[in-house]
Amino acid sequence: MKLPIIKHFQKNNDAQKLEHTIEVLESFCEHRSVKEDEMDVVGELITNLAGAVEMDKMVKDGMSEKDAANAFAKRVLGSIDQ
């Protein structure tokens, strides 16, 4: 997860475009010829894209971009700690 990339995605793309991109990347990973190292890279991209979608929702609900980014990061780090 890279917060600067998530912010960039969120600012420069609408949520629908990000969700479609996630679907395409998930489909790519389902193909049998995709190697583990490729899946790792795609997984990182999906995480960043999903973070941008979540941030976009929080910003639209009235949260500042900074607070939305921090809330998302805390949620991810909290789920890792469990």
PDB file of N, CA and C in Angstrom:
ATOM      1  N   MET A   1       0.844  -1.171   0.000  1.00  0.00           N
ATOM      2  CA  MET A   1       0.000   0.000   0.000  1.00  0.00           C
ATOM      3  C   MET A   1       0.892   1.238   0.000  1.00  0.00           C
ATOM      4  N   LYS A   2       0.644   2.113  -0.937  1.00  0.00           N
ATOM      5  CA  LYS A   2       1.411   3.351  -1.045  1.00  0.00           C
ATOM      6  C   LYS A   2       0.445   4.522  -1.076  1.00  0.00           C
ATOM      7  N   LEU A   3       0.401   5.247   0.044  1.00  0.00           N
ATOM      8  CA  LEU A   3      -0.555   6.333   0.190  1.00  0.00           C
ATOM      9  C   LEU A   3      -0.436   7.409  -0.889  1.00  0.00           C
ATOM     10  N   PRO A   4       0.772   7.820  -1.309  1.00  0.00           N
ATOM     11  CA  PRO A   4       0.834   8.827  -2.382  1.00  0.00           C
ATOM     12  C   PRO A   4       0.190   8.344  -3.686  1.00  0.00           C
ATOM     13  N   ILE A   5       0.340   7.060  -3.989  1.00  0.00           N
ATOM     14  CA  ILE A   5      -0.278   6.514  -5.202  1.00  0.00           C
ATOM     15  C   ILE A   5      -1.790   6.465  -5.044  1.00  0.00           C
ATOM     16  N   ILE A   6      -2.248   6.070  -3.875  1.00  0.00           N
ATOM     17  CA  ILE A   6      -3.697   6.029  -3.617  1.00  0.00           C
ATOM     18  C   ILE A   6      -4.300   7.418  -3.787  1.00  0.00           C
ATOM     19  N   LYS A   7      -3.648   8.430  -3.218  1.00  0.00           N
ATOM     20  CA  LYS A   7      -4.133   9.812  -3.359  1.00  0.00           C
ATOM     21  C   LYS A   7      -4.160  10.229  -4.827  1.00  0.00           C
ATOM     22  N   HIS A   8      -3.110   9.865  -5.558  1.00  0.00           N
ATOM     23  CA  HIS A   8      -3.049  10.210  -6.980  1.00  0.00           C
ATOM     24  C   HIS A   8      -4.206   9.573  -7.750  1.00  0.00           C
ATOM     25  N   PHE A   9      -4.437   8.278  -7.515  1.00  0.00           N
ATOM     26  CA  PHE A   9      -5.554   7.588  -8.176  1.00  0.00           C
ATOM     27  C   PHE A   9      -6.875   8.260  -7.835  1.00  0.00           C
ATOM     28  N   GLN A  10      -7.068   8.566  -6.557  1.00  0.00           N
ATOM     29  CA  GLN A  10      -8.338   9.134  -6.099  1.00  0.00           C
ATOM     30  C   GLN A  10      -8.588  10.507  -6.717  1.00  0.00           C
ATOM     31  N   LYS A  11      -7.559  11.316  -6.808  1.00  0.00           N
ATOM     32  CA  LYS A  11      -7.723  12.673  -7.339  1.00  0.00           C
ATOM     33  C   LYS A  11      -7.930  12.696  -8.852  1.00  0.00           C
ATOM     34  N   ASN A  12      -7.350  11.740  -9.566  1.00  0.00           N
ATOM     35  CA  ASN A  12      -7.319  11.811 -11.029  1.00  0.00           C
ATOM     36  C   ASN A  12      -8.254  10.848 -11.744  1.00  0.00           C
ATOM     37  N   ASN A  13      -9.071  10.105 -10.998  1.00  0.00           N
ATOM     38  CA  ASN A  13      -9.975   9.125 -11.618  1.00  0.00           C
ATOM     39  C   ASN A  13     -11.280   9.066 -10.847  1.00  0.00           C
ATOM     40  N   ASP A  14     -12.360   8.768 -11.546  1.00  0.00           N
ATOM     41  CA  ASP A  14     -13.608   8.572 -10.825  1.00  0.00           C
ATOM     42  C   ASP A  14     -13.682   7.129 -10.321  1.00  0.00           C
ATOM     43  N   ALA A  15     -14.526   6.926  -9.321  1.00  0.00           N
ATOM     44  CA  ALA A  15     -14.614   5.622  -8.649  1.00  0.00           C
ATOM     45  C   ALA A  15     -15.006   4.501  -9.609  1.00  0.00           C
ATOM     46  N   GLN A  16     -15.873   4.795 -10.551  1.00  0.00           N
ATOM     47  CA  GLN A  16     -16.307   3.765 -11.494  1.00  0.00           C
ATOM     48  C   GLN A  16     -15.144   3.274 -12.347  1.00  0.00           C
ATOM     49  N   LYS A  17     -14.306   4.176 -12.799  1.00  0.00           N
ATOM     50  CA  LYS A  17     -13.139   3.797 -13.603  1.00  0.00           C
ATOM     51  C   LYS A  17     -12.190   2.930 -12.766  1.00  0.00           C
ATOM     52  N   LEU A  18     -11.986   3.309 -11.512  1.00  0.00           N
ATOM     53  CA  LEU A  18     -11.117   2.537 -10.620  1.00  0.00           C
ATOM     54  C   LEU A  18     -11.674   1.130 -10.387  1.00  0.00           C
ATOM     55  N   GLU A  19     -12.982   1.029 -10.180  1.00  0.00           N
ATOM     56  CA  GLU A  19     -13.608  -0.279  -9.958  1.00  0.00           C
ATOM     57  C   GLU A  19     -13.493  -1.170 -11.188  1.00  0.00           C
ATOM     58  N   HIS A  20     -13.648  -0.593 -12.366  1.00  0.00           N
ATOM     59  CA  HIS A  20     -13.487  -1.374 -13.599  1.00  0.00           C
ATOM     60  C   HIS A  20     -12.047  -1.865 -13.753  1.00  0.00           C
ATOM     61  N   THR A  21     -11.112  -1.023 -13.392  1.00  0.00           N
ATOM     62  CA  THR A  21      -9.705  -1.414 -13.469  1.00  0.00           C
ATOM     63  C   THR A  21      -9.414  -2.569 -12.524  1.00  0.00           C
ATOM     64  N   ILE A  22      -9.988  -2.520 -11.331  1.00  0.00           N
ATOM     65  CA  ILE A  22      -9.828  -3.616 -10.368  1.00  0.00           C
ATOM     66  C   ILE A  22     -10.368  -4.909 -10.958  1.00  0.00           C
ATOM     67  N   GLU A  23     -11.531  -4.847 -11.584  1.00  0.00           N
ATOM     68  CA  GLU A  23     -12.126  -6.043 -12.189  1.00  0.00           C
ATOM     69  C   GLU A  23     -11.221  -6.635 -13.273  1.00  0.00           C
ATOM     70  N   VAL A  24     -10.632  -5.777 -14.090  1.00  0.00           N
ATOM     71  CA  VAL A  24      -9.737  -6.253 -15.156  1.00  0.00           C
ATOM     72  C   VAL A  24      -8.503  -6.915 -14.543  1.00  0.00           C
ATOM     73  N   LEU A  25      -7.932  -6.304 -13.530  1.00  0.00           N
ATOM     74  CA  LEU A  25      -6.743  -6.882 -12.897  1.00  0.00           C
ATOM     75  C   LEU A  25      -7.059  -8.207 -12.209  1.00  0.00           C
ATOM     76  N   GLU A  26      -8.221  -8.297 -11.578  1.00  0.00           N
ATOM     77  CA  GLU A  26      -8.627  -9.564 -10.960  1.00  0.00           C
ATOM     78  C   GLU A  26      -8.778 -10.653 -12.023  1.00  0.00           C
ATOM     79  N   SER A  27      -9.345 -10.297 -13.146  1.00  0.00           N
ATOM     80  CA  SER A  27      -9.498 -11.249 -14.239  1.00  0.00           C
ATOM     81  C   SER A  27      -8.136 -11.699 -14.755  1.00  0.00           C
ATOM     82  N   PHE A  28      -7.208 -10.781 -14.867  1.00  0.00           N
ATOM     83  CA  PHE A  28      -5.850 -11.107 -15.294  1.00  0.00           C
ATOM     84  C   PHE A  28      -5.235 -12.162 -14.375  1.00  0.00           C
ATOM     85  N   CYS A  29      -5.425 -11.999 -13.071  1.00  0.00           N
ATOM     86  CA  CYS A  29      -4.834 -12.922 -12.084  1.00  0.00           C
ATOM     87  C   CYS A  29      -5.437 -14.326 -12.160  1.00  0.00           C
ATOM     88  N   GLU A  30      -6.624 -14.437 -12.707  1.00  0.00           N
ATOM     89  CA  GLU A  30      -7.279 -15.736 -12.794  1.00  0.00           C
ATOM     90  C   GLU A  30      -6.699 -16.617 -13.904  1.00  0.00           C
ATOM     91  N   HIS A  31      -5.936 -16.028 -14.807  1.00  0.00           N
ATOM     92  CA  HIS A  31      -5.377 -16.813 -15.907  1.00  0.00           C
ATOM     93  C   HIS A  31      -4.237 -17.690 -15.399  1.00  0.00           C
ATOM     94  N   ARG A  32      -4.175 -18.892 -15.874  1.00  0.00           N
ATOM     95  CA  ARG A  32      -3.216 -19.883 -15.378  1.00  0.00           C
ATOM     96  C   ARG A  32      -1.757 -19.535 -15.669  1.00  0.00           C
ATOM     97  N   SER A  33      -1.502 -18.687 -16.646  1.00  0.00           N
ATOM     98  CA  SER A  33      -0.117 -18.385 -16.992  1.00  0.00           C
ATOM     99  C   SER A  33       0.487 -17.247 -16.159  1.00  0.00           C
ATOM    100  N   VAL A  34      -0.309 -16.644 -15.298  1.00  0.00           N
ATOM    101  CA  VAL A  34       0.203 -15.547 -14.476  1.00  0.00           C
ATOM    102  C   VAL A  34       1.076 -16.128 -13.373  1.00  0.00           C
ATOM    103  N   LYS A  35       2.283 -15.602 -13.282  1.00  0.00           N
ATOM    104  CA  LYS A  35       3.250 -16.098 -12.309  1.00  0.00           C
ATOM    105  C   LYS A  35       3.049 -15.417 -10.955  1.00  0.00           C
ATOM    106  N   GLU A  36       3.611 -16.015  -9.924  1.00  0.00           N
ATOM    107  CA  GLU A  36       3.430 -15.511  -8.564  1.00  0.00           C
ATOM    108  C   GLU A  36       3.961 -14.086  -8.401  1.00  0.00           C
ATOM    109  N   ASP A  37       5.115 -13.797  -8.975  1.00  0.00           N
ATOM    110  CA  ASP A  37       5.661 -12.443  -8.838  1.00  0.00           C
ATOM    111  C   ASP A  37       4.791 -11.408  -9.559  1.00  0.00           C
ATOM    112  N   GLU A  38       4.165 -11.818 -10.653  1.00  0.00           N
ATOM    113  CA  GLU A  38       3.236 -10.930 -11.356  1.00  0.00           C
ATOM    114  C   GLU A  38       1.993 -10.696 -10.499  1.00  0.00           C
ATOM    115  N   MET A  39       1.537 -11.742  -9.845  1.00  0.00           N
ATOM    116  CA  MET A  39       0.375 -11.600  -8.962  1.00  0.00           C
ATOM    117  C   MET A  39       0.670 -10.661  -7.797  1.00  0.00           C
ATOM    118  N   ASP A  40       1.892 -10.703  -7.297  1.00  0.00           N
ATOM    119  CA  ASP A  40       2.264  -9.798  -6.214  1.00  0.00           C
ATOM    120  C   ASP A  40       2.158  -8.337  -6.654  1.00  0.00           C
ATOM    121  N   VAL A  41       2.644  -8.051  -7.849  1.00  0.00           N
ATOM    122  CA  VAL A  41       2.580  -6.686  -8.378  1.00  0.00           C
ATOM    123  C   VAL A  41       1.125  -6.274  -8.593  1.00  0.00           C
ATOM    124  N   VAL A  42       0.348  -7.146  -9.196  1.00  0.00           N
ATOM    125  CA  VAL A  42      -1.062  -6.841  -9.451  1.00  0.00           C
ATOM    126  C   VAL A  42      -1.815  -6.684  -8.125  1.00  0.00           C
ATOM    127  N   GLY A  43      -1.472  -7.506  -7.147  1.00  0.00           N
ATOM    128  CA  GLY A  43      -2.109  -7.384  -5.832  1.00  0.00           C
ATOM    129  C   GLY A  43      -1.840  -6.030  -5.203  1.00  0.00           C
ATOM    130  N   GLU A  44      -0.626  -5.545  -5.345  1.00  0.00           N
ATOM    131  CA  GLU A  44      -0.285  -4.206  -4.832  1.00  0.00           C
ATOM    132  C   GLU A  44      -1.094  -3.135  -5.566  1.00  0.00           C
ATOM    133  N   LEU A  45      -1.221  -3.282  -6.878  1.00  0.00           N
ATOM    134  CA  LEU A  45      -2.032  -2.330  -7.649  1.00  0.00           C
ATOM    135  C   LEU A  45      -3.494  -2.363  -7.203  1.00  0.00           C
ATOM    136  N   ILE A  46      -4.036  -3.542  -7.031  1.00  0.00           N
ATOM    137  CA  ILE A  46      -5.437  -3.673  -6.605  1.00  0.00           C
ATOM    138  C   ILE A  46      -5.638  -3.026  -5.240  1.00  0.00           C
ATOM    139  N   THR A  47      -4.692  -3.246  -4.328  1.00  0.00           N
ATOM    140  CA  THR A  47      -4.786  -2.631  -3.002  1.00  0.00           C
ATOM    141  C   THR A  47      -4.817  -1.109  -3.116  1.00  0.00           C
ATOM    142  N   ASN A  48      -3.946  -0.557  -3.928  1.00  0.00           N
ATOM    143  CA  ASN A  48      -3.910   0.894  -4.106  1.00  0.00           C
ATOM    144  C   ASN A  48      -5.182   1.417  -4.760  1.00  0.00           C
ATOM    145  N   LEU A  49      -5.681   0.704  -5.753  1.00  0.00           N
ATOM    146  CA  LEU A  49      -6.925   1.114  -6.416  1.00  0.00           C
ATOM    147  C   LEU A  49      -8.116   1.036  -5.466  1.00  0.00           C
ATOM    148  N   ALA A  50      -8.191  -0.046  -4.706  1.00  0.00           N
ATOM    149  CA  ALA A  50      -9.288  -0.188  -3.739  1.00  0.00           C
ATOM    150  C   ALA A  50      -9.210   0.902  -2.678  1.00  0.00           C
ATOM    151  N   GLY A  51      -8.006   1.248  -2.276  1.00  0.00           N
ATOM    152  CA  GLY A  51      -7.828   2.344  -1.328  1.00  0.00           C
ATOM    153  C   GLY A  51      -8.331   3.655  -1.894  1.00  0.00           C
ATOM    154  N   ALA A  52      -8.073   3.889  -3.170  1.00  0.00           N
ATOM    155  CA  ALA A  52      -8.554   5.112  -3.813  1.00  0.00           C
ATOM    156  C   ALA A  52     -10.075   5.150  -3.864  1.00  0.00           C
ATOM    157  N   VAL A  53     -10.695   4.001  -4.114  1.00  0.00           N
ATOM    158  CA  VAL A  53     -12.168   3.932  -4.128  1.00  0.00           C
ATOM    159  C   VAL A  53     -12.708   4.248  -2.730  1.00  0.00           C
ATOM    160  N   GLU A  54     -12.108   3.663  -1.697  1.00  0.00           N
ATOM    161  CA  GLU A  54     -12.543   3.913  -0.321  1.00  0.00           C
ATOM    162  C   GLU A  54     -12.335   5.375   0.060  1.00  0.00           C
ATOM    163  N   MET A  55     -11.186   5.925  -0.304  1.00  0.00           N
ATOM    164  CA  MET A  55     -10.925   7.336  -0.019  1.00  0.00           C
ATOM    165  C   MET A  55     -11.937   8.230  -0.713  1.00  0.00           C
ATOM    166  N   ASP A  56     -12.264   7.893  -1.949  1.00  0.00           N
ATOM    167  CA  ASP A  56     -13.233   8.682  -2.703  1.00  0.00           C
ATOM    168  C   ASP A  56     -14.583   8.702  -1.990  1.00  0.00           C
ATOM    169  N   LYS A  57     -15.000   7.544  -1.479  1.00  0.00           N
ATOM    170  CA  LYS A  57     -16.273   7.473  -0.747  1.00  0.00           C
ATOM    171  C   LYS A  57     -16.236   8.349   0.495  1.00  0.00           C
ATOM    172  N   MET A  58     -15.124   8.291   1.232  1.00  0.00           N
ATOM    173  CA  MET A  58     -15.012   9.088   2.454  1.00  0.00           C
ATOM    174  C   MET A  58     -14.997  10.585   2.151  1.00  0.00           C
ATOM    175  N   VAL A  59     -14.303  10.971   1.083  1.00  0.00           N
ATOM    176  CA  VAL A  59     -14.249  12.386   0.700  1.00  0.00           C
ATOM    177  C   VAL A  59     -15.636  12.864   0.279  1.00  0.00           C
ATOM    178  N   LYS A  60     -16.347  12.041  -0.472  1.00  0.00           N
ATOM    179  CA  LYS A  60     -17.706  12.416  -0.893  1.00  0.00           C
ATOM    180  C   LYS A  60     -18.657  12.507   0.285  1.00  0.00           C
ATOM    181  N   ASP A  61     -18.356  11.778   1.356  1.00  0.00           N
ATOM    182  CA  ASP A  61     -19.171  11.844   2.573  1.00  0.00           C
ATOM    183  C   ASP A  61     -18.795  13.028   3.457  1.00  0.00           C
ATOM    184  N   GLY A  62     -17.831  13.843   2.996  1.00  0.00           N
ATOM    185  CA  GLY A  62     -17.500  15.071   3.706  1.00  0.00           C
ATOM    186  C   GLY A  62     -16.179  15.074   4.457  1.00  0.00           C
ATOM    187  N   MET A  63     -15.447  14.001   4.413  1.00  0.00           N
ATOM    188  CA  MET A  63     -14.162  13.937   5.101  1.00  0.00           C
ATOM    189  C   MET A  63     -13.094  14.613   4.240  1.00  0.00           C
ATOM    190  N   SER A  64     -12.121  15.242   4.873  1.00  0.00           N
ATOM    191  CA  SER A  64     -11.025  15.845   4.105  1.00  0.00           C
ATOM    192  C   SER A  64     -10.177  14.737   3.490  1.00  0.00           C
ATOM    193  N   GLU A  65      -9.451  15.072   2.440  1.00  0.00           N
ATOM    194  CA  GLU A  65      -8.600  14.069   1.786  1.00  0.00           C
ATOM    195  C   GLU A  65      -7.553  13.521   2.759  1.00  0.00           C
ATOM    196  N   LYS A  66      -6.983  14.400   3.554  1.00  0.00           N
ATOM    197  CA  LYS A  66      -5.963  13.980   4.516  1.00  0.00           C
ATOM    198  C   LYS A  66      -6.545  13.008   5.540  1.00  0.00           C
ATOM    199  N   ASP A  67      -7.715  13.349   6.087  1.00  0.00           N
ATOM    200  CA  ASP A  67      -8.356  12.475   7.075  1.00  0.00           C
ATOM    201  C   ASP A  67      -8.783  11.147   6.452  1.00  0.00           C
ATOM    202  N   ALA A  68      -9.259  11.200   5.211  1.00  0.00           N
ATOM    203  CA  ALA A  68      -9.667   9.967   4.524  1.00  0.00           C
ATOM    204  C   ALA A  68      -8.466   9.060   4.291  1.00  0.00           C
ATOM    205  N   ALA A  69      -7.348   9.643   3.887  1.00  0.00           N
ATOM    206  CA  ALA A  69      -6.134   8.849   3.667  1.00  0.00           C
ATOM    207  C   ALA A  69      -5.662   8.218   4.977  1.00  0.00           C
ATOM    208  N   ASN A  70      -5.661   8.999   6.042  1.00  0.00           N
ATOM    209  CA  ASN A  70      -5.241   8.474   7.337  1.00  0.00           C
ATOM    210  C   ASN A  70      -6.184   7.387   7.849  1.00  0.00           C
ATOM    211  N   ALA A  71      -7.476   7.580   7.655  1.00  0.00           N
ATOM    212  CA  ALA A  71      -8.462   6.582   8.102  1.00  0.00           C
ATOM    213  C   ALA A  71      -8.280   5.270   7.343  1.00  0.00           C
ATOM    214  N   PHE A  72      -8.053   5.361   6.049  1.00  0.00           N
ATOM    215  CA  PHE A  72      -7.842   4.147   5.255  1.00  0.00           C
ATOM    216  C   PHE A  72      -6.571   3.440   5.695  1.00  0.00           C
ATOM    217  N   ALA A  73      -5.494   4.193   5.873  1.00  0.00           N
ATOM    218  CA  ALA A  73      -4.224   3.592   6.291  1.00  0.00           C
ATOM    219  C   ALA A  73      -4.363   2.905   7.649  1.00  0.00           C
ATOM    220  N   LYS A  74      -5.050   3.547   8.572  1.00  0.00           N
ATOM    221  CA  LYS A  74      -5.255   2.942   9.898  1.00  0.00           C
ATOM    222  C   LYS A  74      -6.075   1.665   9.795  1.00  0.00           C
ATOM    223  N   ARG A  75      -7.086   1.666   8.937  1.00  0.00           N
ATOM    224  CA  ARG A  75      -7.925   0.479   8.768  1.00  0.00           C
ATOM    225  C   ARG A  75      -7.107  -0.686   8.199  1.00  0.00           C
ATOM    226  N   VAL A  76      -6.277  -0.404   7.217  1.00  0.00           N
ATOM    227  CA  VAL A  76      -5.447  -1.459   6.623  1.00  0.00           C
ATOM    228  C   VAL A  76      -4.445  -1.983   7.647  1.00  0.00           C
ATOM    229  N   LEU A  77      -3.764  -1.075   8.318  1.00  0.00           N
ATOM    230  CA  LEU A  77      -2.774  -1.492   9.307  1.00  0.00           C
ATOM    231  C   LEU A  77      -3.440  -2.221  10.468  1.00  0.00           C
ATOM    232  N   GLY A  78      -4.629  -1.819  10.841  1.00  0.00           N
ATOM    233  CA  GLY A  78      -5.371  -2.511  11.895  1.00  0.00           C
ATOM    234  C   GLY A  78      -5.751  -3.919  11.498  1.00  0.00           C
ATOM    235  N   SER A  79      -6.098  -4.115  10.236  1.00  0.00           N
ATOM    236  CA  SER A  79      -6.475  -5.464   9.788  1.00  0.00           C
ATOM    237  C   SER A  79      -5.251  -6.369   9.692  1.00  0.00           C
ATOM    238  N   ILE A  80      -4.093  -5.780   9.431  1.00  0.00           N
ATOM    239  CA  ILE A  80      -2.862  -6.568   9.380  1.00  0.00           C
ATOM    240  C   ILE A  80      -2.458  -7.031  10.785  1.00  0.00           C
ATOM    241  N   ASP A  81      -2.658  -6.163  11.770  1.00  0.00           N
ATOM    242  CA  ASP A  81      -2.280  -6.474  13.146  1.00  0.00           C
ATOM    243  C   ASP A  81      -3.118  -7.587  13.765  1.00  0.00           C
ATOM    244  N   GLN A  82      -4.305  -7.806  13.238  1.00  0.00           N
ATOM    245  CA  GLN A  82      -5.204  -8.789  13.852  1.00  0.00           C
ATOM    246  C   GLN A  82      -4.816 -10.198  13.530  1.00  0.00           C
TER     247      GLN A  82
END
